[in-house]
Amino acid sequence: MIEDIDADKVWQALAADPQARLVDVRTDAEWNFVGVPNLGDVNGEVILIPWQIYPSMQRNAAFIDHLRQAGVTPETPTYFICRSGARSMAAAQAAAAAGFTTVYNVAEGFEGPPDADGHRGQVSGWKAAGLPWHQR
C-alpha cells in the first residue's frame, strides 16, 4: 500500500534527505501553464515525467524507464505528485510494482480539490500549503 503524505511533510522529508526525490507526473501543459514545485531550497530540481501523454492522455508506457533514466533507483525515497493525487498514486503503484521500495504519494497533489468557486490551489495540496513553486 502506498502512503499518502501531506505536502508540508513531503517538503520536510525532501529537506532532511538529500537523496529523496520529487517526481511530478502531470503533463507538460500543466507544468507550463499551472507551475511546478520549486525545490531550490531543499535538494535541487523536481523530476518531470508525465504519467499520461498530452493531448491523447494515454499512459506513458516508458514511465518506469524514464524514472530510471532520471537517476531514481529502487532504494531512492521517491515522492510522486500530480494535480490532486490520483495520477501520482497510480504512478507510485506502478513504481512499487516495478521494484521501487520507498515510494509515496503527495496527498492532494499540487493543486488539491476545487474550492466553492471551482478554483484549485486554495483548499489543500502543495500550493495551498504555501510551499515554493514557479512558472516554467
N, C-alpha and C. Protein backbone atom coordinates (compact mmCIF):
# COMPACT_ATOMS: atom_id res chain seq x y z
N MET A 1 0.84 -1.19 0.00
CA MET A 1 0.00 0.00 0.00
C MET A 1 0.89 1.25 0.00
N ILE A 2 0.55 2.20 -0.82
CA ILE A 2 1.29 3.45 -0.94
C ILE A 2 0.74 4.45 0.07
N GLU A 3 1.65 5.07 0.82
CA GLU A 3 1.25 6.04 1.83
C GLU A 3 1.05 7.42 1.21
N ASP A 4 -0.07 8.06 1.58
CA ASP A 4 -0.32 9.47 1.23
C ASP A 4 0.36 10.33 2.28
N ILE A 5 1.13 11.32 1.85
CA ILE A 5 1.81 12.20 2.78
C ILE A 5 1.47 13.65 2.43
N ASP A 6 1.10 14.43 3.43
CA ASP A 6 0.78 15.84 3.21
C ASP A 6 1.97 16.58 2.63
N ALA A 7 1.68 17.59 1.81
CA ALA A 7 2.72 18.33 1.10
C ALA A 7 3.77 18.93 2.04
N ASP A 8 3.35 19.47 3.17
CA ASP A 8 4.33 20.08 4.07
C ASP A 8 5.28 19.04 4.65
N LYS A 9 4.79 17.83 4.88
CA LYS A 9 5.66 16.76 5.38
C LYS A 9 6.59 16.26 4.28
N VAL A 10 6.13 16.29 3.04
CA VAL A 10 6.99 15.94 1.91
C VAL A 10 8.13 16.95 1.82
N TRP A 11 7.80 18.24 1.95
CA TRP A 11 8.82 19.28 1.92
C TRP A 11 9.87 19.02 3.00
N GLN A 12 9.42 18.69 4.20
CA GLN A 12 10.35 18.40 5.31
C GLN A 12 11.22 17.19 5.00
N ALA A 13 10.62 16.16 4.40
CA ALA A 13 11.37 14.95 4.05
C ALA A 13 12.41 15.25 2.98
N LEU A 14 12.05 16.07 1.99
CA LEU A 14 13.00 16.45 0.94
C LEU A 14 14.14 17.28 1.53
N ALA A 15 13.83 18.13 2.49
CA ALA A 15 14.86 18.96 3.13
C ALA A 15 15.79 18.11 3.99
N ALA A 16 15.26 17.08 4.62
CA ALA A 16 16.04 16.25 5.54
C ALA A 16 16.90 15.21 4.84
N ASP A 17 16.51 14.79 3.64
CA ASP A 17 17.22 13.71 2.95
C ASP A 17 17.63 14.15 1.55
N PRO A 18 18.91 14.44 1.34
CA PRO A 18 19.35 14.90 0.02
C PRO A 18 19.19 13.85 -1.09
N GLN A 19 18.97 12.60 -0.71
CA GLN A 19 18.75 11.56 -1.72
C GLN A 19 17.30 11.47 -2.18
N ALA A 20 16.37 12.02 -1.39
CA ALA A 20 14.94 11.95 -1.71
C ALA A 20 14.64 12.75 -2.97
N ARG A 21 13.67 12.31 -3.73
CA ARG A 21 13.29 12.96 -4.98
C ARG A 21 11.78 13.17 -5.05
N LEU A 22 11.41 14.27 -5.73
CA LEU A 22 10.00 14.56 -6.02
C LEU A 22 9.81 14.41 -7.52
N VAL A 23 8.87 13.56 -7.91
CA VAL A 23 8.58 13.32 -9.32
C VAL A 23 7.19 13.86 -9.62
N ASP A 24 7.13 14.85 -10.50
CA ASP A 24 5.87 15.45 -10.92
C ASP A 24 5.40 14.71 -12.16
N VAL A 25 4.24 14.05 -12.06
CA VAL A 25 3.76 13.19 -13.14
C VAL A 25 2.66 13.83 -13.99
N ARG A 26 2.47 15.16 -13.82
CA ARG A 26 1.47 15.84 -14.64
C ARG A 26 1.96 15.97 -16.08
N THR A 27 1.17 16.57 -16.91
CA THR A 27 1.53 16.74 -18.32
C THR A 27 2.39 17.98 -18.52
N ASP A 28 3.04 18.04 -19.67
CA ASP A 28 3.85 19.22 -19.98
C ASP A 28 2.99 20.48 -20.02
N ALA A 29 1.75 20.36 -20.47
CA ALA A 29 0.85 21.52 -20.48
C ALA A 29 0.62 22.03 -19.05
N GLU A 30 0.43 21.12 -18.11
CA GLU A 30 0.24 21.53 -16.71
C GLU A 30 1.50 22.18 -16.15
N TRP A 31 2.65 21.60 -16.43
CA TRP A 31 3.90 22.20 -15.95
C TRP A 31 4.06 23.61 -16.48
N ASN A 32 3.74 23.79 -17.76
CA ASN A 32 3.94 25.09 -18.39
C ASN A 32 2.92 26.14 -17.96
N PHE A 33 1.67 25.75 -17.78
CA PHE A 33 0.61 26.73 -17.54
C PHE A 33 0.19 26.86 -16.07
N VAL A 34 0.42 25.82 -15.26
CA VAL A 34 0.00 25.84 -13.86
C VAL A 34 1.18 26.09 -12.93
N GLY A 35 2.36 25.60 -13.30
CA GLY A 35 3.55 25.77 -12.50
C GLY A 35 4.05 24.44 -11.96
N VAL A 36 5.24 24.50 -11.35
CA VAL A 36 5.87 23.30 -10.79
C VAL A 36 6.46 23.63 -9.42
N PRO A 37 6.58 22.61 -8.56
CA PRO A 37 7.23 22.84 -7.28
C PRO A 37 8.66 23.35 -7.49
N ASN A 38 9.08 24.25 -6.63
CA ASN A 38 10.43 24.79 -6.69
C ASN A 38 11.21 24.21 -5.51
N LEU A 39 12.18 23.37 -5.82
CA LEU A 39 12.94 22.68 -4.78
C LEU A 39 14.31 23.27 -4.55
N GLY A 40 14.55 24.46 -5.05
CA GLY A 40 15.86 25.09 -4.92
C GLY A 40 16.36 25.19 -3.49
N ASP A 41 15.46 25.33 -2.54
CA ASP A 41 15.87 25.47 -1.14
C ASP A 41 16.12 24.14 -0.43
N VAL A 42 15.77 23.01 -1.08
CA VAL A 42 15.94 21.73 -0.39
C VAL A 42 16.93 20.79 -1.08
N ASN A 43 16.67 20.38 -2.29
CA ASN A 43 17.62 19.45 -2.91
C ASN A 43 17.59 19.50 -4.43
N GLY A 44 17.43 20.66 -4.97
CA GLY A 44 17.55 20.74 -6.42
C GLY A 44 16.25 20.84 -7.18
N GLU A 45 16.14 20.05 -8.22
CA GLU A 45 15.03 20.16 -9.15
C GLU A 45 14.03 19.02 -9.02
N VAL A 46 12.79 19.35 -9.26
CA VAL A 46 11.75 18.33 -9.36
C VAL A 46 12.00 17.55 -10.65
N ILE A 47 11.72 16.26 -10.63
CA ILE A 47 11.85 15.42 -11.82
C ILE A 47 10.51 15.43 -12.53
N LEU A 48 10.51 15.81 -13.79
CA LEU A 48 9.28 15.90 -14.58
C LEU A 48 9.16 14.71 -15.52
N ILE A 49 8.23 13.81 -15.22
CA ILE A 49 7.96 12.64 -16.06
C ILE A 49 6.45 12.47 -16.15
N PRO A 50 5.86 12.69 -17.31
CA PRO A 50 4.40 12.57 -17.39
C PRO A 50 3.93 11.13 -17.23
N TRP A 51 2.88 10.97 -16.46
CA TRP A 51 2.23 9.65 -16.33
C TRP A 51 1.38 9.39 -17.56
N GLN A 52 0.78 10.45 -18.10
CA GLN A 52 -0.02 10.37 -19.32
C GLN A 52 0.53 11.39 -20.30
N ILE A 53 0.45 11.06 -21.57
CA ILE A 53 0.99 11.93 -22.62
C ILE A 53 -0.13 12.82 -23.16
N TYR A 54 0.10 14.13 -23.08
CA TYR A 54 -0.86 15.12 -23.58
C TYR A 54 -0.69 15.25 -25.08
N PRO A 55 -1.73 15.38 -25.91
CA PRO A 55 -3.13 15.54 -25.53
C PRO A 55 -3.95 14.25 -25.54
N SER A 56 -3.36 13.13 -25.95
CA SER A 56 -4.14 11.89 -26.03
C SER A 56 -4.48 11.35 -24.65
N MET A 57 -3.67 11.69 -23.66
CA MET A 57 -3.82 11.24 -22.27
C MET A 57 -3.68 9.72 -22.14
N GLN A 58 -2.96 9.12 -23.09
CA GLN A 58 -2.64 7.70 -22.96
C GLN A 58 -1.50 7.56 -21.96
N ARG A 59 -1.51 6.47 -21.24
CA ARG A 59 -0.48 6.22 -20.23
C ARG A 59 0.90 6.20 -20.90
N ASN A 60 1.85 6.79 -20.24
CA ASN A 60 3.23 6.82 -20.71
C ASN A 60 3.83 5.43 -20.50
N ALA A 61 3.93 4.64 -21.56
CA ALA A 61 4.42 3.26 -21.45
C ALA A 61 5.88 3.20 -21.02
N ALA A 62 6.61 4.28 -21.19
CA ALA A 62 8.03 4.31 -20.83
C ALA A 62 8.26 4.96 -19.46
N PHE A 63 7.21 5.12 -18.68
CA PHE A 63 7.33 5.83 -17.40
C PHE A 63 8.44 5.27 -16.51
N ILE A 64 8.46 3.99 -16.29
CA ILE A 64 9.47 3.38 -15.40
C ILE A 64 10.86 3.55 -16.00
N ASP A 65 10.99 3.39 -17.30
CA ASP A 65 12.29 3.62 -17.95
C ASP A 65 12.75 5.07 -17.73
N HIS A 66 11.84 6.01 -17.89
CA HIS A 66 12.18 7.43 -17.68
C HIS A 66 12.58 7.69 -16.22
N LEU A 67 11.91 7.02 -15.31
CA LEU A 67 12.24 7.16 -13.89
C LEU A 67 13.69 6.72 -13.66
N ARG A 68 14.04 5.57 -14.22
CA ARG A 68 15.41 5.07 -14.07
C ARG A 68 16.42 5.99 -14.77
N GLN A 69 16.07 6.49 -15.95
CA GLN A 69 16.96 7.39 -16.69
C GLN A 69 17.19 8.69 -15.93
N ALA A 70 16.24 9.08 -15.10
CA ALA A 70 16.36 10.29 -14.29
C ALA A 70 17.25 10.06 -13.06
N GLY A 71 17.73 8.83 -12.89
CA GLY A 71 18.62 8.53 -11.77
C GLY A 71 17.94 8.03 -10.53
N VAL A 72 16.64 7.77 -10.61
CA VAL A 72 15.91 7.24 -9.46
C VAL A 72 16.17 5.73 -9.40
N THR A 73 16.66 5.28 -8.26
CA THR A 73 16.92 3.86 -8.07
C THR A 73 15.79 3.25 -7.25
N PRO A 74 15.71 1.93 -7.20
CA PRO A 74 14.66 1.30 -6.40
C PRO A 74 14.71 1.68 -4.92
N GLU A 75 15.88 2.10 -4.41
CA GLU A 75 16.02 2.45 -3.00
C GLU A 75 15.81 3.94 -2.74
N THR A 76 15.75 4.76 -3.77
CA THR A 76 15.61 6.21 -3.61
C THR A 76 14.26 6.55 -2.99
N PRO A 77 14.22 7.29 -1.89
CA PRO A 77 12.93 7.77 -1.37
C PRO A 77 12.31 8.69 -2.43
N THR A 78 11.16 8.29 -2.94
CA THR A 78 10.57 9.00 -4.07
C THR A 78 9.13 9.37 -3.77
N TYR A 79 8.84 10.66 -3.95
CA TYR A 79 7.51 11.21 -3.70
C TYR A 79 6.91 11.60 -5.05
N PHE A 80 5.72 11.12 -5.34
CA PHE A 80 5.05 11.39 -6.61
C PHE A 80 3.95 12.42 -6.39
N ILE A 81 3.86 13.39 -7.31
CA ILE A 81 2.86 14.46 -7.21
C ILE A 81 2.20 14.66 -8.57
N CYS A 82 0.90 14.96 -8.54
CA CYS A 82 0.16 15.34 -9.75
C CYS A 82 -0.75 16.51 -9.36
N ARG A 83 -1.84 16.71 -10.05
CA ARG A 83 -2.73 17.83 -9.73
C ARG A 83 -3.42 17.63 -8.39
N SER A 84 -4.03 16.43 -8.21
CA SER A 84 -4.84 16.23 -7.00
C SER A 84 -4.55 14.92 -6.26
N GLY A 85 -3.62 14.13 -6.75
CA GLY A 85 -3.23 12.92 -6.04
C GLY A 85 -3.62 11.61 -6.69
N ALA A 86 -4.41 11.61 -7.75
CA ALA A 86 -4.86 10.36 -8.37
C ALA A 86 -3.81 9.78 -9.32
N ARG A 87 -3.33 10.57 -10.27
CA ARG A 87 -2.32 10.07 -11.21
C ARG A 87 -1.03 9.73 -10.48
N SER A 88 -0.68 10.53 -9.49
CA SER A 88 0.56 10.26 -8.75
C SER A 88 0.45 8.96 -7.95
N MET A 89 -0.73 8.65 -7.46
CA MET A 89 -0.92 7.37 -6.78
C MET A 89 -0.73 6.22 -7.76
N ALA A 90 -1.30 6.36 -8.96
CA ALA A 90 -1.13 5.31 -9.98
C ALA A 90 0.35 5.16 -10.34
N ALA A 91 1.06 6.27 -10.47
CA ALA A 91 2.48 6.23 -10.80
C ALA A 91 3.28 5.57 -9.67
N ALA A 92 2.96 5.91 -8.43
CA ALA A 92 3.65 5.31 -7.28
C ALA A 92 3.38 3.81 -7.22
N GLN A 93 2.16 3.40 -7.50
CA GLN A 93 1.83 1.97 -7.51
C GLN A 93 2.61 1.25 -8.61
N ALA A 94 2.73 1.87 -9.79
CA ALA A 94 3.49 1.27 -10.88
C ALA A 94 4.96 1.15 -10.50
N ALA A 95 5.50 2.18 -9.86
CA ALA A 95 6.90 2.14 -9.43
C ALA A 95 7.11 1.02 -8.40
N ALA A 96 6.19 0.92 -7.46
CA ALA A 96 6.29 -0.15 -6.45
C ALA A 96 6.23 -1.53 -7.12
N ALA A 97 5.35 -1.68 -8.08
CA ALA A 97 5.23 -2.95 -8.80
C ALA A 97 6.50 -3.27 -9.58
N ALA A 98 7.25 -2.23 -9.98
CA ALA A 98 8.49 -2.41 -10.73
C ALA A 98 9.70 -2.59 -9.80
N GLY A 99 9.46 -2.64 -8.50
CA GLY A 99 10.54 -2.92 -7.56
C GLY A 99 11.08 -1.73 -6.79
N PHE A 100 10.49 -0.56 -6.98
CA PHE A 100 10.90 0.61 -6.20
C PHE A 100 10.28 0.46 -4.81
N THR A 101 11.12 0.51 -3.79
CA THR A 101 10.67 0.11 -2.46
C THR A 101 10.28 1.24 -1.52
N THR A 102 10.65 2.48 -1.85
CA THR A 102 10.38 3.59 -0.94
C THR A 102 9.66 4.69 -1.71
N VAL A 103 8.38 4.45 -2.01
CA VAL A 103 7.60 5.40 -2.80
C VAL A 103 6.40 5.90 -2.01
N TYR A 104 6.06 7.17 -2.26
CA TYR A 104 4.98 7.82 -1.53
C TYR A 104 4.17 8.68 -2.50
N ASN A 105 2.95 8.97 -2.12
CA ASN A 105 2.08 9.85 -2.89
C ASN A 105 1.89 11.16 -2.12
N VAL A 106 2.00 12.28 -2.83
CA VAL A 106 1.75 13.57 -2.20
C VAL A 106 0.23 13.74 -2.11
N ALA A 107 -0.30 13.70 -0.90
CA ALA A 107 -1.74 13.82 -0.69
C ALA A 107 -2.25 15.15 -1.23
N GLU A 108 -3.31 15.11 -1.98
CA GLU A 108 -3.96 16.29 -2.57
C GLU A 108 -3.15 16.96 -3.67
N GLY A 109 -1.97 16.42 -4.01
CA GLY A 109 -1.21 16.88 -5.16
C GLY A 109 -0.75 18.33 -5.11
N PHE A 110 -0.55 18.90 -6.31
CA PHE A 110 -0.05 20.25 -6.45
C PHE A 110 -1.14 21.29 -6.20
N GLU A 111 -2.35 21.01 -6.67
CA GLU A 111 -3.43 21.99 -6.58
C GLU A 111 -4.58 21.60 -5.66
N GLY A 112 -4.71 20.33 -5.34
CA GLY A 112 -5.80 19.89 -4.48
C GLY A 112 -7.16 20.01 -5.15
N PRO A 113 -8.23 19.79 -4.39
CA PRO A 113 -9.58 19.86 -4.94
C PRO A 113 -10.02 21.30 -5.17
N PRO A 114 -11.05 21.50 -5.98
CA PRO A 114 -11.55 22.87 -6.18
C PRO A 114 -12.25 23.39 -4.93
N ASP A 115 -12.19 24.72 -4.76
CA ASP A 115 -12.92 25.35 -3.66
C ASP A 115 -14.37 25.58 -4.06
N ALA A 116 -15.13 26.28 -3.26
CA ALA A 116 -16.56 26.51 -3.53
C ALA A 116 -16.79 27.25 -4.85
N ASP A 117 -15.79 28.01 -5.30
CA ASP A 117 -15.90 28.74 -6.56
C ASP A 117 -15.31 27.98 -7.74
N GLY A 118 -14.84 26.75 -7.49
CA GLY A 118 -14.29 25.93 -8.56
C GLY A 118 -12.82 26.19 -8.85
N HIS A 119 -12.13 26.92 -7.97
CA HIS A 119 -10.72 27.23 -8.16
C HIS A 119 -9.85 26.25 -7.39
N ARG A 120 -8.81 25.77 -8.03
CA ARG A 120 -7.87 24.86 -7.36
C ARG A 120 -6.72 25.66 -6.75
N GLY A 121 -5.98 25.00 -5.86
CA GLY A 121 -4.82 25.62 -5.25
C GLY A 121 -5.13 26.44 -4.02
N GLN A 122 -6.38 26.39 -3.55
CA GLN A 122 -6.79 27.19 -2.39
C GLN A 122 -7.12 26.35 -1.16
N VAL A 123 -7.54 25.11 -1.37
CA VAL A 123 -8.05 24.28 -0.27
C VAL A 123 -6.96 23.44 0.37
N SER A 124 -6.23 22.70 -0.44
CA SER A 124 -5.17 21.83 0.06
C SER A 124 -4.21 21.52 -1.07
N GLY A 125 -3.15 20.81 -0.74
CA GLY A 125 -2.13 20.50 -1.73
C GLY A 125 -0.92 21.42 -1.61
N TRP A 126 0.04 21.24 -2.49
CA TRP A 126 1.32 21.96 -2.45
C TRP A 126 1.14 23.47 -2.44
N LYS A 127 0.35 23.99 -3.40
CA LYS A 127 0.19 25.44 -3.50
C LYS A 127 -0.54 26.01 -2.27
N ALA A 128 -1.59 25.35 -1.83
CA ALA A 128 -2.36 25.84 -0.69
C ALA A 128 -1.54 25.80 0.60
N ALA A 129 -0.55 24.89 0.67
CA ALA A 129 0.32 24.81 1.84
C ALA A 129 1.35 25.94 1.86
N GLY A 130 1.39 26.72 0.77
CA GLY A 130 2.32 27.84 0.71
C GLY A 130 3.75 27.42 0.41
N LEU A 131 3.92 26.23 -0.15
CA LEU A 131 5.25 25.74 -0.48
C LEU A 131 5.75 26.38 -1.78
N PRO A 132 7.07 26.48 -1.95
CA PRO A 132 7.62 27.16 -3.13
C PRO A 132 7.23 26.49 -4.45
N TRP A 133 6.92 27.33 -5.41
CA TRP A 133 6.63 26.85 -6.76
C TRP A 133 6.93 28.01 -7.72
N HIS A 134 6.99 27.68 -8.99
CA HIS A 134 7.26 28.71 -10.00
C HIS A 134 6.64 28.33 -11.33
N GLN A 135 6.47 29.34 -12.16
CA GLN A 135 6.01 29.10 -13.53
C GLN A 135 7.23 28.74 -14.36
N ARG A 136 7.04 27.87 -15.34
CA ARG A 136 8.15 27.49 -16.23
C ARG A 136 8.26 28.46 -17.36
